[in-house]
ModelCIF file with pLDDT and N, C-alpha, C, O atoms, coordinates in Angstrom:
data_MODEL
#
_entry.id   MODEL 
#
_entity.id                         1 
_entity.type                       polymer 
_entity.pdbx_number_of_molecules   1 
#
_entity_poly.entity_id                      1 
_entity_poly.type                           'polypeptide(L)' 
_entity_poly.nstd_linkage                   no 
_entity_poly.nstd_monomer                   no 
_entity_poly.pdbx_seq_one_letter_code       
;(UNK)(UNK)(UNK)(UNK)(UNK)(UNK)(UNK)(UNK)(UNK)(UNK)(UNK)(UNK)(UNK)(UNK)(UNK)(UNK)
(UNK)(UNK)(UNK)(UNK)(UNK)(UNK)(UNK)(UNK)(UNK)(UNK)(UNK)(UNK)(UNK)(UNK)(UNK)(UNK)
(UNK)(UNK)(UNK)(UNK)(UNK)(UNK)(UNK)(UNK)(UNK)(UNK)(UNK)
;
_entity_poly.pdbx_seq_one_letter_code_can   XXXXXXXXXXXXXXXXXXXXXXXXXXXXXXXXXXXXXXXXXXX 
_entity_poly.pdbx_strand_id                 A 
#
loop_
_entity_poly_seq.entity_id 
_entity_poly_seq.num 
_entity_poly_seq.mon_id 
_entity_poly_seq.hetero 
1 1  UNK n 
1 2  UNK n 
1 3  UNK n 
1 4  UNK n 
1 5  UNK n 
1 6  UNK n 
1 7  UNK n 
1 8  UNK n 
1 9  UNK n 
1 10 UNK n 
1 11 UNK n 
1 12 UNK n 
1 13 UNK n 
1 14 UNK n 
1 15 UNK n 
1 16 UNK n 
1 17 UNK n 
1 18 UNK n 
1 19 UNK n 
1 20 UNK n 
1 21 UNK n 
1 22 UNK n 
1 23 UNK n 
1 24 UNK n 
1 25 UNK n 
1 26 UNK n 
1 27 UNK n 
1 28 UNK n 
1 29 UNK n 
1 30 UNK n 
1 31 UNK n 
1 32 UNK n 
1 33 UNK n 
1 34 UNK n 
1 35 UNK n 
1 36 UNK n 
1 37 UNK n 
1 38 UNK n 
1 39 UNK n 
1 40 UNK n 
1 41 UNK n 
1 42 UNK n 
1 43 UNK n 
#
_struct_asym.id          A 
_struct_asym.entity_id   1 
#
loop_
_ma_qa_metric.id 
_ma_qa_metric.mode 
_ma_qa_metric.name 
_ma_qa_metric.software_group_id 
_ma_qa_metric.type 
1 global pLDDT . pLDDT 
2 local  pLDDT . pLDDT 
#
_ma_qa_metric_global.metric_id      1 
_ma_qa_metric_global.metric_value   89.93 
_ma_qa_metric_global.model_id       1 
_ma_qa_metric_global.ordinal_id     1 
#
loop_
_ma_qa_metric_local.label_asym_id 
_ma_qa_metric_local.label_comp_id 
_ma_qa_metric_local.label_seq_id 
_ma_qa_metric_local.metric_id 
_ma_qa_metric_local.metric_value 
_ma_qa_metric_local.model_id 
_ma_qa_metric_local.ordinal_id 
A UNK 1  2 79.00 1 1  
A UNK 2  2 82.00 1 2  
A UNK 3  2 84.00 1 3  
A UNK 4  2 82.00 1 4  
A UNK 5  2 82.00 1 5  
A UNK 6  2 86.00 1 6  
A UNK 7  2 85.00 1 7  
A UNK 8  2 86.00 1 8  
A UNK 9  2 83.00 1 9  
A UNK 10 2 84.00 1 10 
A UNK 11 2 85.00 1 11 
A UNK 12 2 91.00 1 12 
A UNK 13 2 92.00 1 13 
A UNK 14 2 94.00 1 14 
A UNK 15 2 96.00 1 15 
A UNK 16 2 96.00 1 16 
A UNK 17 2 98.00 1 17 
A UNK 18 2 98.00 1 18 
A UNK 19 2 97.00 1 19 
A UNK 20 2 97.00 1 20 
A UNK 21 2 95.00 1 21 
A UNK 22 2 94.00 1 22 
A UNK 23 2 94.00 1 23 
A UNK 24 2 95.00 1 24 
A UNK 25 2 96.00 1 25 
A UNK 26 2 96.00 1 26 
A UNK 27 2 96.00 1 27 
A UNK 28 2 96.00 1 28 
A UNK 29 2 95.00 1 29 
A UNK 30 2 95.00 1 30 
A UNK 31 2 93.00 1 31 
A UNK 32 2 86.00 1 32 
A UNK 33 2 78.00 1 33 
A UNK 34 2 75.00 1 34 
A UNK 35 2 71.00 1 35 
A UNK 36 2 80.00 1 36 
A UNK 37 2 89.00 1 37 
A UNK 38 2 93.00 1 38 
A UNK 39 2 95.00 1 39 
A UNK 40 2 94.00 1 40 
A UNK 41 2 94.00 1 41 
A UNK 42 2 95.00 1 42 
A UNK 43 2 95.00 1 43 
#
loop_
_atom_site.group_PDB 
_atom_site.id 
_atom_site.type_symbol 
_atom_site.label_atom_id 
_atom_site.label_alt_id 
_atom_site.label_comp_id 
_atom_site.label_asym_id 
_atom_site.label_entity_id 
_atom_site.label_seq_id 
_atom_site.pdbx_PDB_ins_code 
_atom_site.Cartn_x 
_atom_site.Cartn_y 
_atom_site.Cartn_z 
_atom_site.occupancy 
_atom_site.B_iso_or_equiv 
_atom_site.pdbx_formal_charge 
_atom_site.auth_seq_id 
_atom_site.auth_comp_id 
_atom_site.auth_asym_id 
_atom_site.auth_atom_id 
_atom_site.pdbx_PDB_model_num 
ATOM 1   N N  . UNK A 1 1  ? -6.377  -2.036  -3.724  1.00 79.00 ? 1  UNK A N  1 
ATOM 2   C CA . UNK A 1 1  ? -7.571  -1.241  -3.055  1.00 79.00 ? 1  UNK A CA 1 
ATOM 3   C C  . UNK A 1 1  ? -8.688  -1.921  -2.888  1.00 79.00 ? 1  UNK A C  1 
ATOM 4   O O  . UNK A 1 1  ? -9.768  -1.524  -3.325  1.00 79.00 ? 1  UNK A O  1 
ATOM 5   N N  . UNK A 1 2  ? -8.514  -3.112  -2.177  1.00 82.00 ? 2  UNK A N  1 
ATOM 6   C CA . UNK A 1 2  ? -9.735  -3.853  -1.966  1.00 82.00 ? 2  UNK A CA 1 
ATOM 7   C C  . UNK A 1 2  ? -9.500  -4.590  -0.589  1.00 82.00 ? 2  UNK A C  1 
ATOM 8   O O  . UNK A 1 2  ? -8.360  -4.722  -0.144  1.00 82.00 ? 2  UNK A O  1 
ATOM 9   N N  . UNK A 1 3  ? -10.682 -5.095  0.111   1.00 84.00 ? 3  UNK A N  1 
ATOM 10  C CA . UNK A 1 3  ? -10.547 -5.590  1.247   1.00 84.00 ? 3  UNK A CA 1 
ATOM 11  C C  . UNK A 1 3  ? -11.104 -7.008  1.295   1.00 84.00 ? 3  UNK A C  1 
ATOM 12  O O  . UNK A 1 3  ? -12.027 -7.279  0.527   1.00 84.00 ? 3  UNK A O  1 
ATOM 13  N N  . UNK A 1 4  ? -10.628 -7.944  2.130   1.00 82.00 ? 4  UNK A N  1 
ATOM 14  C CA . UNK A 1 4  ? -10.932 -9.336  2.097   1.00 82.00 ? 4  UNK A CA 1 
ATOM 15  C C  . UNK A 1 4  ? -12.396 -9.327  2.919   1.00 82.00 ? 4  UNK A C  1 
ATOM 16  O O  . UNK A 1 4  ? -13.007 -8.312  3.251   1.00 82.00 ? 4  UNK A O  1 
ATOM 17  N N  . UNK A 1 5  ? -12.768 -10.600 3.142   1.00 82.00 ? 5  UNK A N  1 
ATOM 18  C CA . UNK A 1 5  ? -14.300 -10.819 3.682   1.00 82.00 ? 5  UNK A CA 1 
ATOM 19  C C  . UNK A 1 5  ? -14.084 -10.435 5.183   1.00 82.00 ? 5  UNK A C  1 
ATOM 20  O O  . UNK A 1 5  ? -15.126 -10.379 5.836   1.00 82.00 ? 5  UNK A O  1 
ATOM 21  N N  . UNK A 1 6  ? -12.942 -10.164 5.836   1.00 86.00 ? 6  UNK A N  1 
ATOM 22  C CA . UNK A 1 6  ? -12.962 -9.721  7.305   1.00 86.00 ? 6  UNK A CA 1 
ATOM 23  C C  . UNK A 1 6  ? -12.781 -8.173  7.332   1.00 86.00 ? 6  UNK A C  1 
ATOM 24  O O  . UNK A 1 6  ? -12.663 -7.575  8.402   1.00 86.00 ? 6  UNK A O  1 
ATOM 25  N N  . UNK A 1 7  ? -12.764 -7.571  6.183   1.00 85.00 ? 7  UNK A N  1 
ATOM 26  C CA . UNK A 1 7  ? -12.648 -6.141  5.985   1.00 85.00 ? 7  UNK A CA 1 
ATOM 27  C C  . UNK A 1 7  ? -11.055 -5.668  6.070   1.00 85.00 ? 7  UNK A C  1 
ATOM 28  O O  . UNK A 1 7  ? -10.749 -4.477  6.139   1.00 85.00 ? 7  UNK A O  1 
ATOM 29  N N  . UNK A 1 8  ? -10.205 -6.605  6.058   1.00 86.00 ? 8  UNK A N  1 
ATOM 30  C CA . UNK A 1 8  ? -8.720  -6.354  6.088   1.00 86.00 ? 8  UNK A CA 1 
ATOM 31  C C  . UNK A 1 8  ? -8.275  -5.840  4.799   1.00 86.00 ? 8  UNK A C  1 
ATOM 32  O O  . UNK A 1 8  ? -8.834  -6.394  3.852   1.00 86.00 ? 8  UNK A O  1 
ATOM 33  N N  . UNK A 1 9  ? -7.307  -4.811  4.450   1.00 83.00 ? 9  UNK A N  1 
ATOM 34  C CA . UNK A 1 9  ? -7.051  -4.383  3.184   1.00 83.00 ? 9  UNK A CA 1 
ATOM 35  C C  . UNK A 1 9  ? -6.176  -5.436  2.459   1.00 83.00 ? 9  UNK A C  1 
ATOM 36  O O  . UNK A 1 9  ? -5.207  -5.862  3.086   1.00 83.00 ? 9  UNK A O  1 
ATOM 37  N N  . UNK A 1 10 ? -6.391  -5.873  1.294   1.00 84.00 ? 10 UNK A N  1 
ATOM 38  C CA . UNK A 1 10 ? -5.707  -6.754  0.512   1.00 84.00 ? 10 UNK A CA 1 
ATOM 39  C C  . UNK A 1 10 ? -4.382  -6.291  -0.285  1.00 84.00 ? 10 UNK A C  1 
ATOM 40  O O  . UNK A 1 10 ? -4.438  -5.413  -1.146  1.00 84.00 ? 10 UNK A O  1 
ATOM 41  N N  . UNK A 1 11 ? -3.403  -6.831  0.006   1.00 85.00 ? 11 UNK A N  1 
ATOM 42  C CA . UNK A 1 11 ? -2.159  -6.700  -0.811  1.00 85.00 ? 11 UNK A CA 1 
ATOM 43  C C  . UNK A 1 11 ? -1.612  -8.016  -1.358  1.00 85.00 ? 11 UNK A C  1 
ATOM 44  O O  . UNK A 1 11 ? -1.856  -9.092  -0.812  1.00 85.00 ? 11 UNK A O  1 
ATOM 45  N N  . UNK A 1 12 ? -0.921  -7.901  -2.375  1.00 91.00 ? 12 UNK A N  1 
ATOM 46  C CA . UNK A 1 12 ? -0.453  -9.262  -3.004  1.00 91.00 ? 12 UNK A CA 1 
ATOM 47  C C  . UNK A 1 12 ? 0.818   -8.807  -3.620  1.00 91.00 ? 12 UNK A C  1 
ATOM 48  O O  . UNK A 1 12 ? 1.208   -7.640  -3.674  1.00 91.00 ? 12 UNK A O  1 
ATOM 49  N N  . UNK A 1 13 ? 1.578   -10.145 -4.199  1.00 92.00 ? 13 UNK A N  1 
ATOM 50  C CA . UNK A 1 13 ? 2.746   -9.991  -4.893  1.00 92.00 ? 13 UNK A CA 1 
ATOM 51  C C  . UNK A 1 13 ? 2.346   -9.224  -6.078  1.00 92.00 ? 13 UNK A C  1 
ATOM 52  O O  . UNK A 1 13 ? 1.167   -9.069  -6.394  1.00 92.00 ? 13 UNK A O  1 
ATOM 53  N N  . UNK A 1 14 ? 3.376   -8.729  -6.752  1.00 94.00 ? 14 UNK A N  1 
ATOM 54  C CA . UNK A 1 14 ? 3.168   -8.322  -8.179  1.00 94.00 ? 14 UNK A CA 1 
ATOM 55  C C  . UNK A 1 14 ? 3.837   -9.502  -9.201  1.00 94.00 ? 14 UNK A C  1 
ATOM 56  O O  . UNK A 1 14 ? 4.753   -10.295 -8.981  1.00 94.00 ? 14 UNK A O  1 
ATOM 57  N N  . UNK A 1 15 ? 3.108   -9.318  -10.255 1.00 96.00 ? 15 UNK A N  1 
ATOM 58  C CA . UNK A 1 15 ? 3.425   -10.326 -11.364 1.00 96.00 ? 15 UNK A CA 1 
ATOM 59  C C  . UNK A 1 15 ? 3.726   -9.765  -12.622 1.00 96.00 ? 15 UNK A C  1 
ATOM 60  O O  . UNK A 1 15 ? 3.072   -8.788  -12.987 1.00 96.00 ? 15 UNK A O  1 
ATOM 61  N N  . UNK A 1 16 ? 4.681   -10.264 -13.397 1.00 96.00 ? 16 UNK A N  1 
ATOM 62  C CA . UNK A 1 16 ? 4.958   -9.828  -14.850 1.00 96.00 ? 16 UNK A CA 1 
ATOM 63  C C  . UNK A 1 16 ? 4.579   -11.235 -15.816 1.00 96.00 ? 16 UNK A C  1 
ATOM 64  O O  . UNK A 1 16 ? 5.023   -12.372 -15.655 1.00 96.00 ? 16 UNK A O  1 
ATOM 65  N N  . UNK A 1 17 ? 3.819   -10.857 -16.639 1.00 98.00 ? 17 UNK A N  1 
ATOM 66  C CA . UNK A 1 17 ? 3.548   -11.831 -17.699 1.00 98.00 ? 17 UNK A CA 1 
ATOM 67  C C  . UNK A 1 17 ? 4.254   -11.502 -19.180 1.00 98.00 ? 17 UNK A C  1 
ATOM 68  O O  . UNK A 1 17 ? 3.962   -10.468 -19.780 1.00 98.00 ? 17 UNK A O  1 
ATOM 69  N N  . UNK A 1 18 ? 5.036   -12.296 -19.619 1.00 98.00 ? 18 UNK A N  1 
ATOM 70  C CA . UNK A 1 18 ? 5.515   -12.101 -21.052 1.00 98.00 ? 18 UNK A CA 1 
ATOM 71  C C  . UNK A 1 18 ? 4.783   -13.027 -22.031 1.00 98.00 ? 18 UNK A C  1 
ATOM 72  O O  . UNK A 1 18 ? 4.722   -14.253 -21.936 1.00 98.00 ? 18 UNK A O  1 
ATOM 73  N N  . UNK A 1 19 ? 4.276   -12.314 -22.920 1.00 97.00 ? 19 UNK A N  1 
ATOM 74  C CA . UNK A 1 19 ? 3.524   -13.113 -24.025 1.00 97.00 ? 19 UNK A CA 1 
ATOM 75  C C  . UNK A 1 19 ? 4.338   -12.967 -25.318 1.00 97.00 ? 19 UNK A C  1 
ATOM 76  O O  . UNK A 1 19 ? 4.767   -11.882 -25.711 1.00 97.00 ? 19 UNK A O  1 
ATOM 77  N N  . UNK A 1 20 ? 4.519   -14.127 -25.949 1.00 97.00 ? 20 UNK A N  1 
ATOM 78  C CA . UNK A 1 20 ? 5.165   -14.105 -27.111 1.00 97.00 ? 20 UNK A CA 1 
ATOM 79  C C  . UNK A 1 20 ? 4.420   -15.079 -28.254 1.00 97.00 ? 20 UNK A C  1 
ATOM 80  O O  . UNK A 1 20 ? 4.668   -16.283 -28.311 1.00 97.00 ? 20 UNK A O  1 
ATOM 81  N N  . UNK A 1 21 ? 3.548   -14.464 -29.091 1.00 95.00 ? 21 UNK A N  1 
ATOM 82  C CA . UNK A 1 21 ? 2.689   -15.173 -29.901 1.00 95.00 ? 21 UNK A CA 1 
ATOM 83  C C  . UNK A 1 21 ? 3.546   -15.432 -31.318 1.00 95.00 ? 21 UNK A C  1 
ATOM 84  O O  . UNK A 1 21 ? 3.152   -16.226 -32.173 1.00 95.00 ? 21 UNK A O  1 
ATOM 85  N N  . UNK A 1 22 ? 4.612   -14.751 -31.425 1.00 94.00 ? 22 UNK A N  1 
ATOM 86  C CA . UNK A 1 22 ? 5.193   -15.007 -32.789 1.00 94.00 ? 22 UNK A CA 1 
ATOM 87  C C  . UNK A 1 22 ? 6.098   -16.295 -33.118 1.00 94.00 ? 22 UNK A C  1 
ATOM 88  O O  . UNK A 1 22 ? 6.302   -17.096 -32.205 1.00 94.00 ? 22 UNK A O  1 
ATOM 89  N N  . UNK A 1 23 ? 6.555   -16.482 -34.175 1.00 94.00 ? 23 UNK A N  1 
ATOM 90  C CA . UNK A 1 23 ? 7.260   -17.658 -34.590 1.00 94.00 ? 23 UNK A CA 1 
ATOM 91  C C  . UNK A 1 23 ? 8.748   -17.666 -34.258 1.00 94.00 ? 23 UNK A C  1 
ATOM 92  O O  . UNK A 1 23 ? 9.438   -18.662 -34.471 1.00 94.00 ? 23 UNK A O  1 
ATOM 93  N N  . UNK A 1 24 ? 9.240   -16.519 -33.722 1.00 95.00 ? 24 UNK A N  1 
ATOM 94  C CA . UNK A 1 24 ? 10.549  -16.340 -33.527 1.00 95.00 ? 24 UNK A CA 1 
ATOM 95  C C  . UNK A 1 24 ? 10.807  -16.011 -31.909 1.00 95.00 ? 24 UNK A C  1 
ATOM 96  O O  . UNK A 1 24 ? 9.864   -15.549 -31.266 1.00 95.00 ? 24 UNK A O  1 
ATOM 97  N N  . UNK A 1 25 ? 11.930  -16.222 -31.337 1.00 96.00 ? 25 UNK A N  1 
ATOM 98  C CA . UNK A 1 25 ? 12.219  -15.880 -29.832 1.00 96.00 ? 25 UNK A CA 1 
ATOM 99  C C  . UNK A 1 25 ? 12.119  -14.280 -29.797 1.00 96.00 ? 25 UNK A C  1 
ATOM 100 O O  . UNK A 1 25 ? 12.318  -13.592 -30.798 1.00 96.00 ? 25 UNK A O  1 
ATOM 101 N N  . UNK A 1 26 ? 11.814  -13.803 -28.636 1.00 96.00 ? 26 UNK A N  1 
ATOM 102 C CA . UNK A 1 26 ? 11.732  -12.537 -28.223 1.00 96.00 ? 26 UNK A CA 1 
ATOM 103 C C  . UNK A 1 26 ? 12.521  -12.182 -27.023 1.00 96.00 ? 26 UNK A C  1 
ATOM 104 O O  . UNK A 1 26 ? 12.557  -12.959 -26.069 1.00 96.00 ? 26 UNK A O  1 
ATOM 105 N N  . UNK A 1 27 ? 13.211  -10.954 -27.010 1.00 96.00 ? 27 UNK A N  1 
ATOM 106 C CA . UNK A 1 27 ? 13.896  -10.442 -25.872 1.00 96.00 ? 27 UNK A CA 1 
ATOM 107 C C  . UNK A 1 27 ? 13.202  -9.421  -25.129 1.00 96.00 ? 27 UNK A C  1 
ATOM 108 O O  . UNK A 1 27 ? 12.961  -8.322  -25.629 1.00 96.00 ? 27 UNK A O  1 
ATOM 109 N N  . UNK A 1 28 ? 12.869  -9.740  -23.946 1.00 96.00 ? 28 UNK A N  1 
ATOM 110 C CA . UNK A 1 28 ? 11.999  -8.733  -23.098 1.00 96.00 ? 28 UNK A CA 1 
ATOM 111 C C  . UNK A 1 28 ? 12.778  -8.122  -21.962 1.00 96.00 ? 28 UNK A C  1 
ATOM 112 O O  . UNK A 1 28 ? 13.529  -8.824  -21.284 1.00 96.00 ? 28 UNK A O  1 
ATOM 113 N N  . UNK A 1 29 ? 12.627  -6.882  -21.743 1.00 95.00 ? 29 UNK A N  1 
ATOM 114 C CA . UNK A 1 29 ? 13.134  -6.401  -20.647 1.00 95.00 ? 29 UNK A CA 1 
ATOM 115 C C  . UNK A 1 29 ? 12.513  -6.702  -19.222 1.00 95.00 ? 29 UNK A C  1 
ATOM 116 O O  . UNK A 1 29 ? 11.289  -6.575  -19.193 1.00 95.00 ? 29 UNK A O  1 
ATOM 117 N N  . UNK A 1 30 ? 13.096  -7.061  -18.076 1.00 95.00 ? 30 UNK A N  1 
ATOM 118 C CA . UNK A 1 30 ? 12.349  -7.485  -16.996 1.00 95.00 ? 30 UNK A CA 1 
ATOM 119 C C  . UNK A 1 30 ? 12.080  -6.112  -16.351 1.00 95.00 ? 30 UNK A C  1 
ATOM 120 O O  . UNK A 1 30 ? 13.011  -5.337  -16.131 1.00 95.00 ? 30 UNK A O  1 
ATOM 121 N N  . UNK A 1 31 ? 10.801  -5.816  -16.049 1.00 93.00 ? 31 UNK A N  1 
ATOM 122 C CA . UNK A 1 31 ? 10.390  -4.694  -15.305 1.00 93.00 ? 31 UNK A CA 1 
ATOM 123 C C  . UNK A 1 31 ? 10.647  -4.627  -13.924 1.00 93.00 ? 31 UNK A C  1 
ATOM 124 O O  . UNK A 1 31 ? 11.125  -5.617  -13.370 1.00 93.00 ? 31 UNK A O  1 
ATOM 125 N N  . UNK A 1 32 ? 10.367  -3.476  -13.208 1.00 86.00 ? 32 UNK A N  1 
ATOM 126 C CA . UNK A 1 32 ? 10.571  -3.419  -11.760 1.00 86.00 ? 32 UNK A CA 1 
ATOM 127 C C  . UNK A 1 32 ? 10.396  -1.977  -11.238 1.00 86.00 ? 32 UNK A C  1 
ATOM 128 O O  . UNK A 1 32 ? 10.641  -1.033  -11.988 1.00 86.00 ? 32 UNK A O  1 
ATOM 129 N N  . UNK A 1 33 ? 9.977   -1.784  -9.964  1.00 78.00 ? 33 UNK A N  1 
ATOM 130 C CA . UNK A 1 33 ? 9.768   -0.412  -9.485  1.00 78.00 ? 33 UNK A CA 1 
ATOM 131 C C  . UNK A 1 33 ? 11.093  0.099   -9.116  1.00 78.00 ? 33 UNK A C  1 
ATOM 132 O O  . UNK A 1 33 ? 11.152  1.317   -8.947  1.00 78.00 ? 33 UNK A O  1 
ATOM 133 N N  . UNK A 1 34 ? 12.237  -0.626  -8.947  1.00 75.00 ? 34 UNK A N  1 
ATOM 134 C CA . UNK A 1 34 ? 13.428  -0.008  -8.748  1.00 75.00 ? 34 UNK A CA 1 
ATOM 135 C C  . UNK A 1 34 ? 14.393  -1.041  -9.361  1.00 75.00 ? 34 UNK A C  1 
ATOM 136 O O  . UNK A 1 34 ? 14.097  -2.190  -9.690  1.00 75.00 ? 34 UNK A O  1 
ATOM 137 N N  . UNK A 1 35 ? 15.619  -0.434  -9.463  1.00 71.00 ? 35 UNK A N  1 
ATOM 138 C CA . UNK A 1 35 ? 16.694  -1.403  -10.207 1.00 71.00 ? 35 UNK A CA 1 
ATOM 139 C C  . UNK A 1 35 ? 16.955  -2.505  -9.336  1.00 71.00 ? 35 UNK A C  1 
ATOM 140 O O  . UNK A 1 35 ? 17.674  -3.401  -9.777  1.00 71.00 ? 35 UNK A O  1 
ATOM 141 N N  . UNK A 1 36 ? 16.453  -2.606  -8.058  1.00 80.00 ? 36 UNK A N  1 
ATOM 142 C CA . UNK A 1 36 ? 16.758  -3.697  -7.207  1.00 80.00 ? 36 UNK A CA 1 
ATOM 143 C C  . UNK A 1 36 ? 15.755  -4.592  -6.989  1.00 80.00 ? 36 UNK A C  1 
ATOM 144 O O  . UNK A 1 36 ? 15.903  -5.460  -6.129  1.00 80.00 ? 36 UNK A O  1 
ATOM 145 N N  . UNK A 1 37 ? 14.594  -4.503  -7.737  1.00 89.00 ? 37 UNK A N  1 
ATOM 146 C CA . UNK A 1 37 ? 13.569  -5.400  -7.714  1.00 89.00 ? 37 UNK A CA 1 
ATOM 147 C C  . UNK A 1 37 ? 13.960  -6.841  -8.172  1.00 89.00 ? 37 UNK A C  1 
ATOM 148 O O  . UNK A 1 37 ? 14.553  -6.919  -9.248  1.00 89.00 ? 37 UNK A O  1 
ATOM 149 N N  . UNK A 1 38 ? 13.738  -7.822  -7.586  1.00 93.00 ? 38 UNK A N  1 
ATOM 150 C CA . UNK A 1 38 ? 13.883  -9.279  -7.831  1.00 93.00 ? 38 UNK A CA 1 
ATOM 151 C C  . UNK A 1 38 ? 12.523  -9.844  -8.097  1.00 93.00 ? 38 UNK A C  1 
ATOM 152 O O  . UNK A 1 38 ? 11.455  -9.426  -7.651  1.00 93.00 ? 38 UNK A O  1 
ATOM 153 N N  . UNK A 1 39 ? 12.742  -10.922 -8.942  1.00 95.00 ? 39 UNK A N  1 
ATOM 154 C CA . UNK A 1 39 ? 11.740  -11.739 -9.295  1.00 95.00 ? 39 UNK A CA 1 
ATOM 155 C C  . UNK A 1 39 ? 12.198  -13.212 -9.322  1.00 95.00 ? 39 UNK A C  1 
ATOM 156 O O  . UNK A 1 39 ? 13.381  -13.537 -9.425  1.00 95.00 ? 39 UNK A O  1 
ATOM 157 N N  . UNK A 1 40 ? 11.064  -14.167 -9.213  1.00 94.00 ? 40 UNK A N  1 
ATOM 158 C CA . UNK A 1 40 ? 11.423  -15.567 -9.521  1.00 94.00 ? 40 UNK A CA 1 
ATOM 159 C C  . UNK A 1 40 ? 10.576  -16.047 -10.545 1.00 94.00 ? 40 UNK A C  1 
ATOM 160 O O  . UNK A 1 40 ? 9.476   -15.520 -10.712 1.00 94.00 ? 40 UNK A O  1 
ATOM 161 N N  . UNK A 1 41 ? 10.974  -17.026 -11.281 1.00 94.00 ? 41 UNK A N  1 
ATOM 162 C CA . UNK A 1 41 ? 10.190  -17.544 -12.149 1.00 94.00 ? 41 UNK A CA 1 
ATOM 163 C C  . UNK A 1 41 ? 9.068   -18.476 -11.841 1.00 94.00 ? 41 UNK A C  1 
ATOM 164 O O  . UNK A 1 41 ? 9.393   -19.562 -11.362 1.00 94.00 ? 41 UNK A O  1 
ATOM 165 N N  . UNK A 1 42 ? 7.829   -18.241 -12.031 1.00 95.00 ? 42 UNK A N  1 
ATOM 166 C CA . UNK A 1 42 ? 6.667   -19.205 -11.761 1.00 95.00 ? 42 UNK A CA 1 
ATOM 167 C C  . UNK A 1 42 ? 6.485   -20.287 -12.638 1.00 95.00 ? 42 UNK A C  1 
ATOM 168 O O  . UNK A 1 42 ? 6.249   -21.414 -12.204 1.00 95.00 ? 42 UNK A O  1 
ATOM 169 N N  . UNK A 1 43 ? 6.590   -19.995 -14.045 1.00 95.00 ? 43 UNK A N  1 
ATOM 170 C CA . UNK A 1 43 ? 6.588   -20.944 -14.922 1.00 95.00 ? 43 UNK A CA 1 
ATOM 171 C C  . UNK A 1 43 ? 6.905   -20.510 -16.423 1.00 95.00 ? 43 UNK A C  1 
ATOM 172 O O  . UNK A 1 43 ? 6.923   -21.353 -17.320 1.00 95.00 ? 43 UNK A O  1 
#
């Protein structure tokens, strides 16, 4: 809901960040707006 310096509406990719500060592995569900949403690992 923002505009760039030329007045054009800004849109971007969506990102999910999984934080695990515990001493054990954690299993997290990959979110998505639909069941067909695909993601790629950034890092």
